[in-house]
Amino acid sequence: MKINHNETENNLNTRQKHLILGAGFVGLGMAQALKQAGIPYDQVDASDDIGGNWYHGVYETAHIISSRKITQFTHFPMPDHYPDFPSAKNILDYLNTFADHFNLRPQIELNRKVTYIRPIENNFWEVTFANGEQRIYKGVLLCNGHHWCKRFPEFEGTFNGPIIHSKDYKRPEELKGKRVLVIGSGNSGCDLAAESARVGAKCVMSMRQSPWFIPKSFAGAPVVDFIKWWMPEWLQRLMVYGIIRLTFGTHESYGLPKPNYRIFDRHPTLNNEVPYYIKHGRITPKPAVRRLDGWEVEFQDGSRDEFDLIVCATGFHLAYPFLPSELQRVDGSVVKCYGQVFLEDYKGLYYIGWGQIRGGVGSLVSAFAPVFVRYLQLQETINVPIGLVLKELGQKLPKTHLFDPHKMFIELKLNEVFFDVVTKKAHRVDAQYTQVNNPPLPPLSSINKPELTKEMTLTSSLQ
């Protein structure tokens, strides 16, 4: 076997580093925290520029649904001239400015798709790239996002026109003059339905169930800014319900059934335009699709209509296609890890940013990253995985992908205040085990499992 001396030297250089996978909002926030703490790292992204979904995944007219105040990194405010709800371009410019301000670019390698990550001997992690290069790292931070592996509904019948995912849509010209069916009532579905109402020939919005339409602003301020850290969730619900009633009235007045879930039991839909366009006859609400038939679509209520284009705003799968089956800890939309990050049986692999936060990501990353850094430093002093320590402290595995940011802020503050208690517990748990090592897993070339092959060939090439 021929030895590549450059790769051998590179592996020696990376064994004392962590790898950050992804250079979007979360990946950049974590990189800045590691750099500030003096923790060596590399960072890679499969795309040709930084910004994650704000670079490669959103439409030109997109604006954030959370406010500037809670979306920005707390320690790096957005410019004063930004509106309350910045545009996609505003956010991308902000992330580029953030990377430049903290000099993060030297550690970022672009066009670096990861195809396989596995634990090897001595608790190291072998990372394989699409070009065949392999590197060995001390640990890997999975910040590859959850808005890339497109989820499509299964249809009965066939449609003569194009069927696209909301991630494929980029600009209003794609909808101009067309009869558009939008499937889904989340934030992207509402944005695309409103855009179709403006420029399309007609728009029908298919919803399996009615959402709670929460206005983006109320009394001149973003609704999310009314929710304070000290408010229990029942009070948040009561306040938002009151705002909905004062702004929109009842669902019945729009010809919609009342939602069959409580506010916040699903990811919030913040949109003022869909109720507005329903009242103007520019959006027609319909129930779920029953079947496709040429240019026609039949709905569950028996009605039929003709369309030129179907847009599926039906969300995304949470996926880590570069991990072996033993590390596929995804259950639906939830990663089964302690503290939303750590495994109990492997150390050095961290699942970060997979949840749906009810609010802005930047302020939460600003609070989370310093706490994570302390856990990373604690891991250096013990043999057992941090996840096992958290389990012994009584933490439970998450049951939902929906997180109340105010509750998380409180938990992170308690983590910071009582970190000495966590540290003592960690060393007591560590003392109970004489030898703890990650079980090595075989390289991809030696695996012959159809189910793993399927995992490794998920639809998107972006991380």
Protein backbone atom coordinates (compact mmCIF):
# COMPACT_ATOMS: atom_id res chain seq x y z
CA MET A 1 0.00 0.00 0.00
CA LYS A 2 1.36 3.39 -1.03
CA ILE A 3 1.62 5.88 1.84
CA ASN A 4 0.58 9.46 1.18
CA HIS A 5 2.99 11.43 3.38
CA ASN A 6 0.98 14.67 3.00
CA GLU A 7 -2.15 12.97 4.34
CA THR A 8 -0.19 11.38 7.18
CA GLU A 9 1.23 14.78 8.18
CA ASN A 10 -2.22 16.36 7.90
CA ASN A 11 -3.73 13.70 10.19
CA LEU A 12 -1.06 14.41 12.79
CA ASN A 13 -2.00 18.10 12.58
CA THR A 14 -5.74 17.47 12.95
CA ARG A 15 -5.68 14.92 15.79
CA GLN A 16 -5.64 17.75 18.30
CA LYS A 17 -8.48 19.60 16.57
CA HIS A 18 -12.24 19.41 16.40
CA LEU A 19 -14.05 19.60 13.08
CA ILE A 20 -17.11 21.85 12.67
CA LEU A 21 -19.36 20.53 9.94
CA GLY A 22 -21.34 23.40 8.39
CA ALA A 23 -20.79 27.16 8.08
CA GLY A 24 -24.31 28.46 8.54
CA PHE A 25 -25.75 30.42 11.45
CA VAL A 26 -25.05 27.70 14.03
CA GLY A 27 -21.69 26.58 12.61
CA LEU A 28 -20.32 30.13 12.55
CA GLY A 29 -21.57 30.80 16.07
CA MET A 30 -19.87 27.67 17.37
CA ALA A 31 -16.67 28.48 15.49
CA GLN A 32 -16.47 31.90 17.11
CA ALA A 33 -16.95 30.36 20.57
CA LEU A 34 -14.25 27.74 20.03
CA LYS A 35 -11.86 30.34 18.66
CA GLN A 36 -12.46 32.66 21.60
CA ALA A 37 -11.77 29.76 24.00
CA GLY A 38 -8.54 28.87 22.20
CA ILE A 39 -9.81 25.42 21.14
CA PRO A 40 -8.20 24.36 17.84
CA TYR A 41 -10.66 23.48 15.09
CA ASP A 42 -11.23 23.18 11.35
CA GLN A 43 -14.50 24.06 9.65
CA VAL A 44 -15.90 22.71 6.39
CA ASP A 45 -19.00 23.29 4.30
CA ALA A 46 -20.23 21.47 1.21
CA SER A 47 -21.36 24.70 -0.45
CA ASP A 48 -19.19 27.24 -2.27
CA ASP A 49 -19.82 30.02 0.26
CA ILE A 50 -20.76 30.51 3.90
CA GLY A 51 -24.25 31.23 5.19
CA GLY A 52 -25.89 27.81 5.09
CA ASN A 53 -29.58 27.95 4.25
CA TRP A 54 -29.42 31.74 3.96
CA TYR A 55 -26.96 31.30 1.10
CA HIS A 56 -28.23 28.29 -0.80
CA GLY A 57 -31.71 27.54 0.45
CA VAL A 58 -34.06 30.52 0.64
CA TYR A 59 -36.02 32.50 -1.93
CA GLU A 60 -35.06 36.04 -2.86
CA THR A 61 -38.03 37.67 -1.14
CA ALA A 62 -37.69 35.79 2.16
CA HIS A 63 -37.62 37.68 5.46
CA ILE A 64 -37.07 36.25 8.91
CA ILE A 65 -40.19 35.52 10.97
CA SER A 66 -38.48 36.21 14.30
CA SER A 67 -37.33 39.73 15.01
CA ARG A 68 -33.89 41.19 14.45
CA LYS A 69 -33.49 41.58 18.22
CA ILE A 70 -33.67 37.86 19.02
CA THR A 71 -32.18 36.55 15.76
CA GLN A 72 -28.88 38.41 16.05
CA PHE A 73 -25.95 37.07 18.04
CA THR A 74 -26.24 38.84 21.40
CA HIS A 75 -22.58 39.86 21.36
CA PHE A 76 -22.69 41.08 17.74
CA PRO A 77 -25.84 43.14 17.05
CA MET A 78 -27.20 43.61 13.56
CA PRO A 79 -26.80 47.12 12.06
CA ASP A 80 -29.22 49.76 13.30
CA HIS A 81 -30.51 50.39 9.78
CA TYR A 82 -31.79 46.80 9.49
CA PRO A 83 -35.60 46.52 9.70
CA ASP A 84 -37.36 44.58 12.45
CA PHE A 85 -37.67 41.66 10.01
CA PRO A 86 -34.46 41.59 7.93
CA SER A 87 -34.43 40.11 4.43
CA ALA A 88 -32.51 37.05 3.30
CA LYS A 89 -29.85 39.35 1.84
CA ASN A 90 -29.64 41.27 5.13
CA ILE A 91 -29.05 38.02 7.03
CA LEU A 92 -26.46 36.74 4.55
CA ASP A 93 -24.59 40.07 4.69
CA TYR A 94 -24.74 39.93 8.48
CA LEU A 95 -23.26 36.42 8.62
CA ASN A 96 -20.45 37.44 6.28
CA THR A 97 -19.73 40.48 8.44
CA PHE A 98 -19.76 38.25 11.54
CA ALA A 99 -17.23 35.87 9.94
CA ASP A 100 -14.97 38.78 8.95
CA HIS A 101 -15.22 40.55 12.31
CA PHE A 102 -14.10 37.46 14.22
CA ASN A 103 -11.64 36.38 11.50
CA LEU A 104 -13.29 32.99 11.01
CA ARG A 105 -12.58 32.54 7.30
CA PRO A 106 -9.01 31.18 7.60
CA GLN A 107 -10.40 28.02 9.27
CA ILE A 108 -13.26 27.53 6.75
CA GLU A 109 -12.85 25.19 3.77
CA LEU A 110 -15.63 25.43 1.17
CA ASN A 111 -16.74 22.83 -1.39
CA ARG A 112 -15.79 20.17 1.18
CA LYS A 113 -18.57 17.62 1.30
CA VAL A 114 -18.25 14.99 4.05
CA THR A 115 -19.32 11.51 3.01
CA TYR A 116 -18.53 9.42 6.09
CA ILE A 117 -17.64 9.90 9.76
CA ARG A 118 -16.70 6.98 12.00
CA PRO A 119 -15.07 6.39 15.38
CA ILE A 120 -11.68 4.67 15.27
CA GLU A 121 -9.14 3.49 17.84
CA ASN A 122 -8.11 5.69 20.78
CA ASN A 123 -11.32 7.73 20.65
CA PHE A 124 -10.43 9.56 17.44
CA TRP A 125 -12.84 10.24 14.58
CA GLU A 126 -12.05 9.52 10.95
CA VAL A 127 -13.67 11.91 8.47
CA THR A 128 -13.88 11.01 4.79
CA PHE A 129 -14.47 13.71 2.17
CA ALA A 130 -16.07 13.42 -1.27
CA ASN A 131 -12.67 13.65 -2.97
CA GLY A 132 -11.47 10.59 -1.04
CA GLU A 133 -9.30 12.49 1.46
CA GLN A 134 -9.44 11.26 5.04
CA ARG A 135 -8.54 13.14 8.19
CA ILE A 136 -8.50 12.18 11.85
CA TYR A 137 -9.99 14.52 14.44
CA LYS A 138 -10.41 14.61 18.20
CA GLY A 139 -14.12 15.33 17.78
CA VAL A 140 -16.79 16.49 15.34
CA LEU A 141 -19.46 19.16 15.81
CA LEU A 142 -22.44 18.38 13.56
CA CYS A 143 -23.83 21.79 12.57
CA ASN A 144 -25.06 20.75 9.13
CA GLY A 145 -28.60 22.08 9.62
CA HIS A 146 -32.01 20.58 9.03
CA HIS A 147 -33.31 22.53 6.03
CA TRP A 148 -31.78 20.55 3.20
CA CYS A 149 -33.17 16.97 3.01
CA LYS A 150 -36.51 17.69 1.31
CA ARG A 151 -39.68 15.90 2.41
CA PHE A 152 -42.25 15.26 -0.31
CA PRO A 153 -45.78 13.93 0.22
CA GLU A 154 -46.83 10.69 -1.46
CA PHE A 155 -49.49 11.25 -4.11
CA GLU A 156 -52.00 8.96 -5.73
CA GLY A 157 -52.11 9.53 -9.49
CA THR A 158 -49.92 11.72 -11.70
CA PHE A 159 -49.70 15.42 -12.48
CA ASN A 160 -48.85 16.79 -15.93
CA GLY A 161 -47.05 19.87 -14.64
CA PRO A 162 -43.99 20.37 -12.45
CA ILE A 163 -44.02 19.46 -8.76
CA ILE A 164 -41.32 21.29 -6.80
CA HIS A 165 -40.30 21.64 -3.18
CA SER A 166 -40.39 25.06 -1.53
CA LYS A 167 -36.58 24.89 -1.26
CA ASP A 168 -36.40 24.81 -5.07
CA TYR A 169 -38.36 28.06 -5.42
CA LYS A 170 -36.22 31.20 -5.75
CA ARG A 171 -38.06 34.18 -7.29
CA PRO A 172 -41.59 35.49 -8.07
CA GLU A 173 -41.12 35.12 -11.84
CA GLU A 174 -41.49 31.36 -11.38
CA LEU A 175 -45.11 31.90 -10.23
CA LYS A 176 -46.16 34.75 -12.54
CA GLY A 177 -49.44 34.09 -14.34
CA LYS A 178 -49.63 30.48 -13.13
CA ARG A 179 -52.36 28.54 -11.38
CA VAL A 180 -50.48 27.47 -8.26
CA LEU A 181 -51.29 24.85 -5.65
CA VAL A 182 -49.28 25.28 -2.44
CA ILE A 183 -49.29 22.23 -0.16
CA GLY A 184 -48.48 23.04 3.46
CA SER A 185 -49.36 25.76 5.95
CA GLY A 186 -46.02 26.42 7.62
CA ASN A 187 -44.02 29.61 7.22
CA SER A 188 -42.62 28.80 3.78
CA GLY A 189 -46.03 27.61 2.57
CA CYS A 190 -47.64 30.86 3.70
CA ASP A 191 -44.92 32.97 2.08
CA LEU A 192 -45.27 31.17 -1.24
CA ALA A 193 -49.05 31.27 -1.13
CA ALA A 194 -48.96 35.03 -0.53
CA GLU A 195 -46.47 35.48 -3.36
CA SER A 196 -48.68 33.39 -5.67
CA ALA A 197 -51.63 35.56 -4.66
CA ARG A 198 -49.70 38.65 -5.77
CA VAL A 199 -48.28 37.48 -9.11
CA GLY A 200 -50.03 34.23 -10.03
CA ALA A 201 -53.28 33.66 -11.93
CA LYS A 202 -54.70 32.00 -8.81
CA CYS A 203 -53.54 30.29 -5.64
CA VAL A 204 -55.03 27.37 -3.75
CA MET A 205 -53.54 26.44 -0.39
CA SER A 206 -53.95 22.82 0.69
CA MET A 207 -53.82 22.30 4.46
CA ARG A 208 -54.23 19.02 6.32
CA GLN A 209 -55.18 21.12 9.33
CA SER A 210 -55.49 24.83 9.98
CA PRO A 211 -52.53 26.51 11.68
CA TRP A 212 -52.64 29.28 14.23
CA PHE A 213 -51.79 32.35 12.14
CA ILE A 214 -49.73 34.54 14.46
CA PRO A 215 -49.20 38.12 13.23
CA LYS A 216 -45.56 39.09 12.85
CA SER A 217 -46.19 42.42 14.55
CA PHE A 218 -48.75 43.88 16.93
CA ALA A 219 -49.15 47.50 18.09
CA GLY A 220 -46.09 48.44 16.06
CA ALA A 221 -43.69 45.86 17.55
CA PRO A 222 -42.68 42.28 16.61
CA VAL A 223 -44.90 39.82 18.47
CA VAL A 224 -41.91 37.74 19.58
CA ASP A 225 -40.52 40.75 21.40
CA PHE A 226 -43.54 40.78 23.71
CA ILE A 227 -42.57 37.38 25.12
CA LYS A 228 -40.22 37.78 28.06
CA TRP A 229 -37.83 35.26 29.59
CA TRP A 230 -39.76 35.05 32.86
CA MET A 231 -43.10 34.13 31.27
CA PRO A 232 -44.34 30.55 31.79
CA GLU A 233 -45.55 28.89 28.61
CA TRP A 234 -49.22 29.08 29.61
CA LEU A 235 -48.93 32.85 29.89
CA GLN A 236 -47.15 33.04 26.52
CA ARG A 237 -50.00 31.05 24.97
CA LEU A 238 -52.67 33.23 26.55
CA MET A 239 -51.01 36.43 25.38
CA VAL A 240 -50.48 35.19 21.81
CA TYR A 241 -54.04 33.86 21.64
CA GLY A 242 -55.31 37.30 22.64
CA ILE A 243 -53.17 38.95 19.95
CA ILE A 244 -54.52 36.51 17.35
CA ARG A 245 -58.13 37.25 18.28
CA LEU A 246 -57.57 41.01 18.23
CA THR A 247 -55.72 40.87 14.88
CA PHE A 248 -57.48 38.18 12.85
CA GLY A 249 -60.60 37.18 14.75
CA THR A 250 -61.70 33.56 14.44
CA HIS A 251 -60.82 30.87 11.91
CA GLU A 252 -64.49 30.47 11.08
CA SER A 253 -64.56 33.99 9.65
CA TYR A 254 -62.06 32.82 7.00
CA GLY A 255 -63.87 29.59 6.24
CA LEU A 256 -61.25 27.57 8.11
CA PRO A 257 -61.72 24.98 10.84
CA LYS A 258 -60.28 25.83 14.23
CA PRO A 259 -56.81 24.29 14.79
CA ASN A 260 -56.91 20.98 16.67
CA TYR A 261 -53.74 21.69 18.65
CA ARG A 262 -52.64 24.25 21.22
CA ILE A 263 -50.56 27.26 20.23
CA PHE A 264 -46.84 26.30 20.33
CA ASP A 265 -47.55 22.54 20.12
CA ARG A 266 -46.37 22.90 16.53
CA HIS A 267 -43.74 25.24 15.13
CA PRO A 268 -45.45 28.66 14.98
CA THR A 269 -46.69 30.09 11.69
CA LEU A 270 -46.10 33.84 11.71
CA ASN A 271 -47.90 35.40 8.79
CA ASN A 272 -50.22 38.37 8.25
CA GLU A 273 -50.73 37.94 4.53
CA VAL A 274 -52.56 34.63 4.13
CA PRO A 275 -55.66 35.72 6.10
CA TYR A 276 -55.53 39.03 4.18
CA TYR A 277 -55.46 37.33 0.78
CA ILE A 278 -58.14 34.81 1.77
CA LYS A 279 -60.41 37.77 2.49
CA HIS A 280 -59.54 39.22 -0.94
CA GLY A 281 -60.26 35.96 -2.72
CA ARG A 282 -56.67 35.64 -3.92
CA ILE A 283 -56.02 32.52 -1.82
CA THR A 284 -58.53 29.69 -1.65
CA PRO A 285 -58.05 27.30 1.30
CA LYS A 286 -58.60 23.60 0.61
CA PRO A 287 -58.17 20.39 2.64
CA ALA A 288 -55.53 17.74 1.91
CA VAL A 289 -54.98 16.36 -1.60
CA ARG A 290 -56.77 13.11 -2.41
CA ARG A 291 -55.28 12.39 -5.85
CA LEU A 292 -53.65 13.90 -8.93
CA ASP A 293 -55.27 13.56 -12.33
CA GLY A 294 -53.44 15.16 -15.26
CA TRP A 295 -53.74 18.92 -14.84
CA GLU A 296 -56.38 18.49 -12.15
CA VAL A 297 -56.11 17.86 -8.42
CA GLU A 298 -58.86 16.31 -6.35
CA PHE A 299 -59.11 17.28 -2.68
CA GLN A 300 -60.42 15.38 0.33
CA ASP A 301 -63.71 17.29 0.22
CA GLY A 302 -64.34 15.97 -3.31
CA SER A 303 -63.68 19.29 -5.08
CA ARG A 304 -61.35 19.46 -8.10
CA ASP A 305 -59.32 22.24 -9.65
CA GLU A 306 -56.77 22.76 -12.44
CA PHE A 307 -53.19 23.88 -11.84
CA ASP A 308 -49.98 24.64 -13.72
CA LEU A 309 -47.63 24.13 -10.78
CA ILE A 310 -47.60 22.33 -7.43
CA VAL A 311 -45.30 23.61 -4.69
CA CYS A 312 -44.72 21.27 -1.74
CA ALA A 313 -43.95 23.31 1.36
CA THR A 314 -43.86 20.10 3.35
CA GLY A 315 -40.72 20.47 5.36
CA PHE A 316 -37.54 18.48 5.68
CA HIS A 317 -36.21 15.23 7.05
CA LEU A 318 -33.69 15.48 9.87
CA ALA A 319 -30.79 13.52 8.42
CA TYR A 320 -27.12 12.69 8.95
CA PRO A 321 -26.36 10.59 5.84
CA PHE A 322 -22.63 10.58 6.54
CA LEU A 323 -22.98 8.65 9.82
CA PRO A 324 -22.94 4.85 10.15
CA SER A 325 -26.14 3.14 11.25
CA GLU A 326 -24.88 2.78 14.84
CA LEU A 327 -24.82 6.57 15.15
CA GLN A 328 -28.17 7.23 13.46
CA ARG A 329 -29.93 8.46 16.59
CA VAL A 330 -32.76 10.25 14.79
CA ASP A 331 -36.29 9.30 15.80
CA GLY A 332 -38.65 11.23 13.53
CA SER A 333 -37.66 14.86 14.08
CA VAL A 334 -35.76 14.22 17.32
CA VAL A 335 -32.12 13.32 17.95
CA LYS A 336 -31.92 11.05 20.97
CA CYS A 337 -29.07 12.73 22.81
CA TYR A 338 -28.68 14.25 26.25
CA GLY A 339 -28.67 18.00 26.64
CA GLN A 340 -29.84 18.02 22.99
CA VAL A 341 -26.18 17.44 22.03
CA PHE A 342 -24.36 14.56 23.76
CA LEU A 343 -24.43 10.76 23.41
CA GLU A 344 -24.11 8.51 26.43
CA ASP A 345 -22.08 5.83 24.63
CA TYR A 346 -19.75 7.86 22.38
CA LYS A 347 -17.63 10.88 23.14
CA GLY A 348 -16.42 13.40 20.61
CA LEU A 349 -19.54 13.55 18.43
CA TYR A 350 -21.93 16.44 19.03
CA TYR A 351 -25.35 16.96 17.43
CA ILE A 352 -25.89 20.73 17.43
CA GLY A 353 -28.74 22.87 16.10
CA TRP A 354 -31.17 20.14 15.05
CA GLY A 355 -34.17 21.44 17.00
CA GLN A 356 -36.82 23.95 15.95
CA ILE A 357 -36.46 27.00 18.15
CA ARG A 358 -39.51 29.17 18.73
CA GLY A 359 -37.64 32.39 18.18
CA GLY A 360 -34.32 33.58 16.80
CA VAL A 361 -31.34 31.28 16.59
CA GLY A 362 -28.57 33.84 17.17
CA SER A 363 -29.46 34.81 20.73
CA LEU A 364 -29.77 31.16 21.72
CA VAL A 365 -26.44 30.19 20.11
CA SER A 366 -24.84 33.10 21.97
CA ALA A 367 -26.10 31.64 25.25
CA PHE A 368 -25.45 27.99 24.36
CA ALA A 369 -21.95 28.19 22.86
CA PRO A 370 -20.06 29.21 26.05
CA VAL A 371 -21.81 26.44 28.00
CA PHE A 372 -20.92 23.91 25.29
CA VAL A 373 -17.29 25.06 25.38
CA ARG A 374 -17.17 24.33 29.12
CA TYR A 375 -18.56 20.85 28.50
CA LEU A 376 -15.98 20.33 25.76
CA GLN A 377 -13.23 21.32 28.19
CA LEU A 378 -14.73 19.07 30.85
CA GLN A 379 -14.70 16.15 28.40
CA GLU A 380 -10.93 16.57 28.17
CA THR A 381 -10.60 15.74 31.88
CA ILE A 382 -12.79 12.62 32.02
CA ASN A 383 -13.01 9.34 30.15
CA VAL A 384 -16.78 8.81 30.18
CA PRO A 385 -18.96 10.61 27.61
CA ILE A 386 -20.64 13.82 28.76
CA GLY A 387 -23.97 12.30 27.75
CA LEU A 388 -23.54 9.60 30.39
CA VAL A 389 -22.85 12.25 33.03
CA LEU A 390 -26.02 14.13 32.10
CA LYS A 391 -27.99 10.89 32.20
CA GLU A 392 -26.64 10.16 35.69
CA LEU A 393 -27.69 13.67 36.70
CA GLY A 394 -31.25 12.72 35.81
CA GLN A 395 -31.63 14.33 32.41
CA LYS A 396 -34.07 12.69 30.01
CA LEU A 397 -33.83 12.19 26.27
CA PRO A 398 -35.80 14.81 24.32
CA LYS A 399 -39.30 13.87 23.15
CA THR A 400 -39.86 16.79 20.80
CA HIS A 401 -37.91 18.88 18.30
CA LEU A 402 -39.78 22.02 19.41
CA PHE A 403 -37.93 24.09 21.99
CA ASP A 404 -39.17 27.02 24.03
CA PRO A 405 -36.20 29.44 23.88
CA HIS A 406 -37.13 31.09 27.18
CA LYS A 407 -37.07 27.75 28.96
CA MET A 408 -33.74 26.95 27.31
CA PHE A 409 -32.25 30.29 28.38
CA ILE A 410 -33.16 29.47 31.98
CA GLU A 411 -31.68 25.96 31.70
CA LEU A 412 -28.46 27.33 30.19
CA LYS A 413 -28.19 29.91 32.99
CA LEU A 414 -28.66 27.18 35.59
CA ASN A 415 -25.99 25.12 33.79
CA GLU A 416 -23.61 28.03 34.09
CA VAL A 417 -24.40 28.70 37.76
CA PHE A 418 -24.18 25.05 38.83
CA PHE A 419 -21.38 23.93 36.53
CA ASP A 420 -19.15 23.11 39.50
CA VAL A 421 -21.81 20.62 40.64
CA VAL A 422 -21.83 19.07 37.15
CA THR A 423 -18.04 18.86 37.19
CA LYS A 424 -17.95 17.06 40.55
CA LYS A 425 -20.63 14.64 39.39
CA ALA A 426 -18.70 14.04 36.17
CA HIS A 427 -15.57 13.02 38.06
CA ARG A 428 -17.58 10.75 40.39
CA VAL A 429 -19.17 9.01 37.40
CA ASP A 430 -15.78 8.81 35.70
CA ALA A 431 -14.27 7.12 38.77
CA GLN A 432 -16.78 4.27 38.43
CA TYR A 433 -15.30 3.22 35.08
CA THR A 434 -11.74 1.98 34.69
CA GLN A 435 -11.66 1.97 30.88
CA VAL A 436 -13.99 3.83 28.55
CA ASN A 437 -13.38 3.91 24.80
CA ASN A 438 -15.53 4.59 21.77
CA PRO A 439 -16.28 1.27 20.03
CA PRO A 440 -14.54 1.59 16.64
CA LEU A 441 -16.74 1.12 13.58
CA PRO A 442 -15.64 -0.29 10.20
CA PRO A 443 -14.87 1.87 7.17
CA LEU A 444 -17.60 2.40 4.61
CA SER A 445 -15.83 0.21 2.05
CA SER A 446 -16.29 -2.88 4.25
CA ILE A 447 -19.99 -2.33 4.93
CA ASN A 448 -22.57 -4.13 2.85
CA LYS A 449 -25.85 -3.01 4.33
CA PRO A 450 -28.66 -1.90 2.02
CA GLU A 451 -30.22 0.22 4.74
CA LEU A 452 -26.95 2.11 5.28
CA THR A 453 -26.50 2.62 1.56
CA LYS A 454 -29.94 4.21 1.52
CA GLU A 455 -28.97 6.47 4.41
CA MET A 456 -25.81 7.53 2.61
CA THR A 457 -27.60 8.51 -0.62
CA LEU A 458 -30.22 10.95 0.65
CA THR A 459 -31.45 13.39 -1.93
CA SER A 460 -29.43 16.52 -1.19
CA SER A 461 -25.72 17.05 -1.68
CA LEU A 462 -25.64 20.05 0.65
CA GLN A 463 -24.76 19.84 4.34
